[in-house]
Amino acid sequence: MRAILEFDLPEDTSEWHAASDGMDWALVVRDLDLQCCEWIKHDQEFADPVHAFQGVRKFILDRMEDKSLKFPEPDNQPY
């Protein structure tokens, strides 16, 4: 089975990036899950929930930088 995705560039640039970077995003989430397991295993102490979330955000942003990923631009469409 084959699948071909087509995009009208440059209009669909953000959609193209989402499709072509999908595996890298999946790896970021996998790495975050593994990191959370390590924090739990080693009984990582965070001062409070705010510091815990800051640690999670830093981890995500660091992995995104490692893989040259960026958050997509908001499309201002209501959900």
N, C-alpha and C. Protein backbone atom coordinates (compact mmCIF):
# COMPACT_ATOMS: atom_id res chain seq x y z
N MET A 1 0.84 -1.18 0.00
CA MET A 1 0.00 0.00 0.00
C MET A 1 0.88 1.24 0.00
N ARG A 2 0.48 2.24 -0.74
CA ARG A 2 1.20 3.50 -0.81
C ARG A 2 0.24 4.64 -0.52
N ALA A 3 0.77 5.68 0.04
CA ALA A 3 -0.03 6.88 0.28
C ALA A 3 0.79 8.08 -0.20
N ILE A 4 0.14 8.98 -0.86
CA ILE A 4 0.81 10.18 -1.35
C ILE A 4 0.06 11.38 -0.78
N LEU A 5 0.80 12.22 -0.10
CA LEU A 5 0.22 13.45 0.44
C LEU A 5 0.62 14.59 -0.48
N GLU A 6 -0.32 15.43 -0.81
CA GLU A 6 -0.04 16.58 -1.65
C GLU A 6 -0.39 17.86 -0.91
N PHE A 7 0.45 18.86 -1.10
CA PHE A 7 0.25 20.15 -0.45
C PHE A 7 0.41 21.25 -1.48
N ASP A 8 -0.37 22.30 -1.35
CA ASP A 8 -0.21 23.48 -2.18
C ASP A 8 0.70 24.44 -1.42
N LEU A 9 1.96 24.47 -1.84
CA LEU A 9 2.94 25.35 -1.19
C LEU A 9 3.00 26.66 -1.95
N PRO A 10 3.16 27.75 -1.29
CA PRO A 10 3.48 27.92 0.12
C PRO A 10 2.25 28.00 1.03
N GLU A 11 1.04 27.97 0.49
CA GLU A 11 -0.15 28.15 1.32
C GLU A 11 -0.26 27.10 2.42
N ASP A 12 0.12 25.87 2.13
CA ASP A 12 -0.04 24.76 3.08
C ASP A 12 1.26 24.42 3.81
N THR A 13 2.12 25.40 3.98
CA THR A 13 3.43 25.13 4.59
C THR A 13 3.30 24.55 5.99
N SER A 14 2.43 25.10 6.82
CA SER A 14 2.32 24.58 8.20
C SER A 14 1.79 23.15 8.20
N GLU A 15 0.86 22.83 7.29
CA GLU A 15 0.35 21.46 7.20
C GLU A 15 1.44 20.51 6.71
N TRP A 16 2.26 20.98 5.77
CA TRP A 16 3.36 20.16 5.27
C TRP A 16 4.36 19.86 6.39
N HIS A 17 4.68 20.89 7.18
CA HIS A 17 5.59 20.67 8.30
C HIS A 17 5.01 19.68 9.30
N ALA A 18 3.72 19.80 9.60
CA ALA A 18 3.09 18.87 10.54
C ALA A 18 3.20 17.44 10.04
N ALA A 19 2.98 17.24 8.76
CA ALA A 19 3.05 15.89 8.20
C ALA A 19 4.48 15.37 8.13
N SER A 20 5.40 16.21 7.70
CA SER A 20 6.78 15.73 7.52
C SER A 20 7.54 15.60 8.83
N ASP A 21 7.12 16.31 9.88
CA ASP A 21 7.80 16.25 11.18
C ASP A 21 7.11 15.31 12.17
N GLY A 22 6.11 14.57 11.71
CA GLY A 22 5.32 13.74 12.61
C GLY A 22 6.13 12.77 13.45
N MET A 23 7.11 12.10 12.85
CA MET A 23 7.91 11.13 13.61
C MET A 23 8.74 11.85 14.68
N ASP A 24 9.29 13.01 14.35
CA ASP A 24 10.06 13.75 15.35
C ASP A 24 9.18 14.16 16.54
N TRP A 25 7.94 14.57 16.26
CA TRP A 25 7.02 14.91 17.35
C TRP A 25 6.72 13.67 18.20
N ALA A 26 6.52 12.53 17.55
CA ALA A 26 6.25 11.29 18.29
C ALA A 26 7.44 10.95 19.18
N LEU A 27 8.65 11.17 18.70
CA LEU A 27 9.84 10.88 19.50
C LEU A 27 9.97 11.84 20.68
N VAL A 28 9.58 13.09 20.51
CA VAL A 28 9.58 14.05 21.63
C VAL A 28 8.64 13.55 22.72
N VAL A 29 7.44 13.12 22.33
CA VAL A 29 6.47 12.63 23.32
C VAL A 29 6.99 11.36 23.98
N ARG A 30 7.59 10.45 23.20
CA ARG A 30 8.16 9.24 23.79
C ARG A 30 9.26 9.58 24.80
N ASP A 31 10.14 10.51 24.43
CA ASP A 31 11.21 10.92 25.34
C ASP A 31 10.65 11.54 26.61
N LEU A 32 9.59 12.33 26.48
CA LEU A 32 8.96 12.92 27.65
C LEU A 32 8.39 11.83 28.56
N ASP A 33 7.74 10.85 27.96
CA ASP A 33 7.19 9.75 28.75
C ASP A 33 8.30 9.01 29.50
N LEU A 34 9.41 8.73 28.82
CA LEU A 34 10.54 8.06 29.47
C LEU A 34 11.13 8.92 30.59
N GLN A 35 11.21 10.23 30.35
CA GLN A 35 11.73 11.13 31.38
C GLN A 35 10.82 11.14 32.60
N CYS A 36 9.51 11.17 32.37
CA CYS A 36 8.57 11.14 33.50
C CYS A 36 8.75 9.85 34.30
N CYS A 37 8.95 8.74 33.61
CA CYS A 37 9.19 7.46 34.31
C CYS A 37 10.45 7.55 35.16
N GLU A 38 11.50 8.19 34.63
CA GLU A 38 12.74 8.35 35.40
C GLU A 38 12.51 9.23 36.62
N TRP A 39 11.79 10.32 36.45
CA TRP A 39 11.50 11.20 37.59
C TRP A 39 10.74 10.42 38.66
N ILE A 40 9.79 9.60 38.26
CA ILE A 40 9.01 8.81 39.22
C ILE A 40 9.90 7.76 39.87
N LYS A 41 10.67 7.04 39.06
CA LYS A 41 11.54 5.96 39.56
C LYS A 41 12.52 6.48 40.61
N HIS A 42 13.08 7.66 40.36
CA HIS A 42 14.08 8.22 41.26
C HIS A 42 13.47 9.20 42.26
N ASP A 43 12.13 9.17 42.36
CA ASP A 43 11.41 9.99 43.33
C ASP A 43 11.84 11.46 43.27
N GLN A 44 11.84 11.98 42.03
CA GLN A 44 12.21 13.37 41.80
C GLN A 44 11.31 14.30 42.62
N GLU A 45 11.92 15.15 43.36
CA GLU A 45 11.17 16.11 44.18
C GLU A 45 11.12 17.45 43.47
N PHE A 46 9.94 17.96 43.25
CA PHE A 46 9.75 19.31 42.74
C PHE A 46 9.17 20.12 43.89
N ALA A 47 9.54 21.39 43.96
CA ALA A 47 9.10 22.24 45.07
C ALA A 47 7.58 22.33 45.15
N ASP A 48 6.95 22.37 44.00
CA ASP A 48 5.49 22.49 43.93
C ASP A 48 5.06 22.17 42.51
N PRO A 49 3.76 22.11 42.25
CA PRO A 49 3.30 21.78 40.89
C PRO A 49 3.80 22.74 39.82
N VAL A 50 3.95 24.02 40.16
CA VAL A 50 4.45 24.98 39.18
C VAL A 50 5.85 24.59 38.73
N HIS A 51 6.72 24.23 39.67
CA HIS A 51 8.08 23.82 39.31
C HIS A 51 8.07 22.51 38.52
N ALA A 52 7.16 21.61 38.83
CA ALA A 52 7.06 20.36 38.08
C ALA A 52 6.70 20.66 36.62
N PHE A 53 5.70 21.51 36.42
CA PHE A 53 5.30 21.86 35.05
C PHE A 53 6.40 22.62 34.33
N GLN A 54 7.14 23.45 35.05
CA GLN A 54 8.27 24.15 34.43
C GLN A 54 9.32 23.15 33.96
N GLY A 55 9.54 22.10 34.75
CA GLY A 55 10.49 21.06 34.36
C GLY A 55 10.03 20.32 33.11
N VAL A 56 8.74 20.03 33.04
CA VAL A 56 8.18 19.36 31.87
C VAL A 56 8.31 20.26 30.64
N ARG A 57 7.95 21.52 30.78
CA ARG A 57 8.05 22.46 29.65
C ARG A 57 9.48 22.60 29.17
N LYS A 58 10.44 22.70 30.11
CA LYS A 58 11.84 22.82 29.72
C LYS A 58 12.28 21.58 28.95
N PHE A 59 11.88 20.41 29.43
CA PHE A 59 12.23 19.17 28.75
C PHE A 59 11.69 19.18 27.32
N ILE A 60 10.41 19.54 27.15
CA ILE A 60 9.80 19.56 25.82
C ILE A 60 10.52 20.56 24.92
N LEU A 61 10.73 21.77 25.40
CA LEU A 61 11.37 22.80 24.58
C LEU A 61 12.80 22.42 24.21
N ASP A 62 13.53 21.79 25.13
CA ASP A 62 14.89 21.33 24.82
C ASP A 62 14.88 20.27 23.72
N ARG A 63 13.95 19.32 23.79
CA ARG A 63 13.87 18.27 22.77
C ARG A 63 13.43 18.85 21.43
N MET A 64 12.52 19.83 21.48
CA MET A 64 12.11 20.50 20.25
C MET A 64 13.30 21.19 19.59
N GLU A 65 14.11 21.86 20.40
CA GLU A 65 15.29 22.53 19.86
C GLU A 65 16.25 21.52 19.26
N ASP A 66 16.46 20.39 19.96
CA ASP A 66 17.35 19.34 19.44
C ASP A 66 16.93 18.87 18.06
N LYS A 67 15.62 18.81 17.82
CA LYS A 67 15.08 18.30 16.56
C LYS A 67 14.65 19.41 15.60
N SER A 68 14.97 20.66 15.94
CA SER A 68 14.60 21.83 15.12
C SER A 68 13.10 21.89 14.86
N LEU A 69 12.31 21.57 15.87
CA LEU A 69 10.86 21.63 15.76
C LEU A 69 10.35 22.95 16.30
N LYS A 70 9.25 23.40 15.73
CA LYS A 70 8.58 24.61 16.19
C LYS A 70 7.11 24.30 16.34
N PHE A 71 6.47 24.99 17.28
CA PHE A 71 5.02 24.87 17.39
C PHE A 71 4.39 25.48 16.14
N PRO A 72 3.30 24.90 15.66
CA PRO A 72 2.63 25.51 14.51
C PRO A 72 2.03 26.85 14.88
N GLU A 73 1.92 27.70 13.89
CA GLU A 73 1.30 29.00 14.11
C GLU A 73 -0.19 28.79 14.36
N PRO A 74 -0.77 29.53 15.30
CA PRO A 74 -2.22 29.39 15.52
C PRO A 74 -2.97 29.84 14.27
N ASP A 75 -4.02 29.09 13.97
CA ASP A 75 -4.79 29.43 12.77
C ASP A 75 -6.03 30.26 13.09
N ASN A 76 -6.18 30.61 14.37
CA ASN A 76 -7.30 31.47 14.81
C ASN A 76 -8.67 30.91 14.45
N GLN A 77 -8.78 29.62 14.34
CA GLN A 77 -10.07 29.00 14.06
C GLN A 77 -10.61 28.42 15.36
N PRO A 78 -11.89 28.70 15.68
CA PRO A 78 -12.47 28.13 16.89
C PRO A 78 -12.65 26.62 16.73
N TYR A 79 -12.55 25.91 17.82
CA TYR A 79 -12.70 24.45 17.77
C TYR A 79 -14.12 24.06 18.03
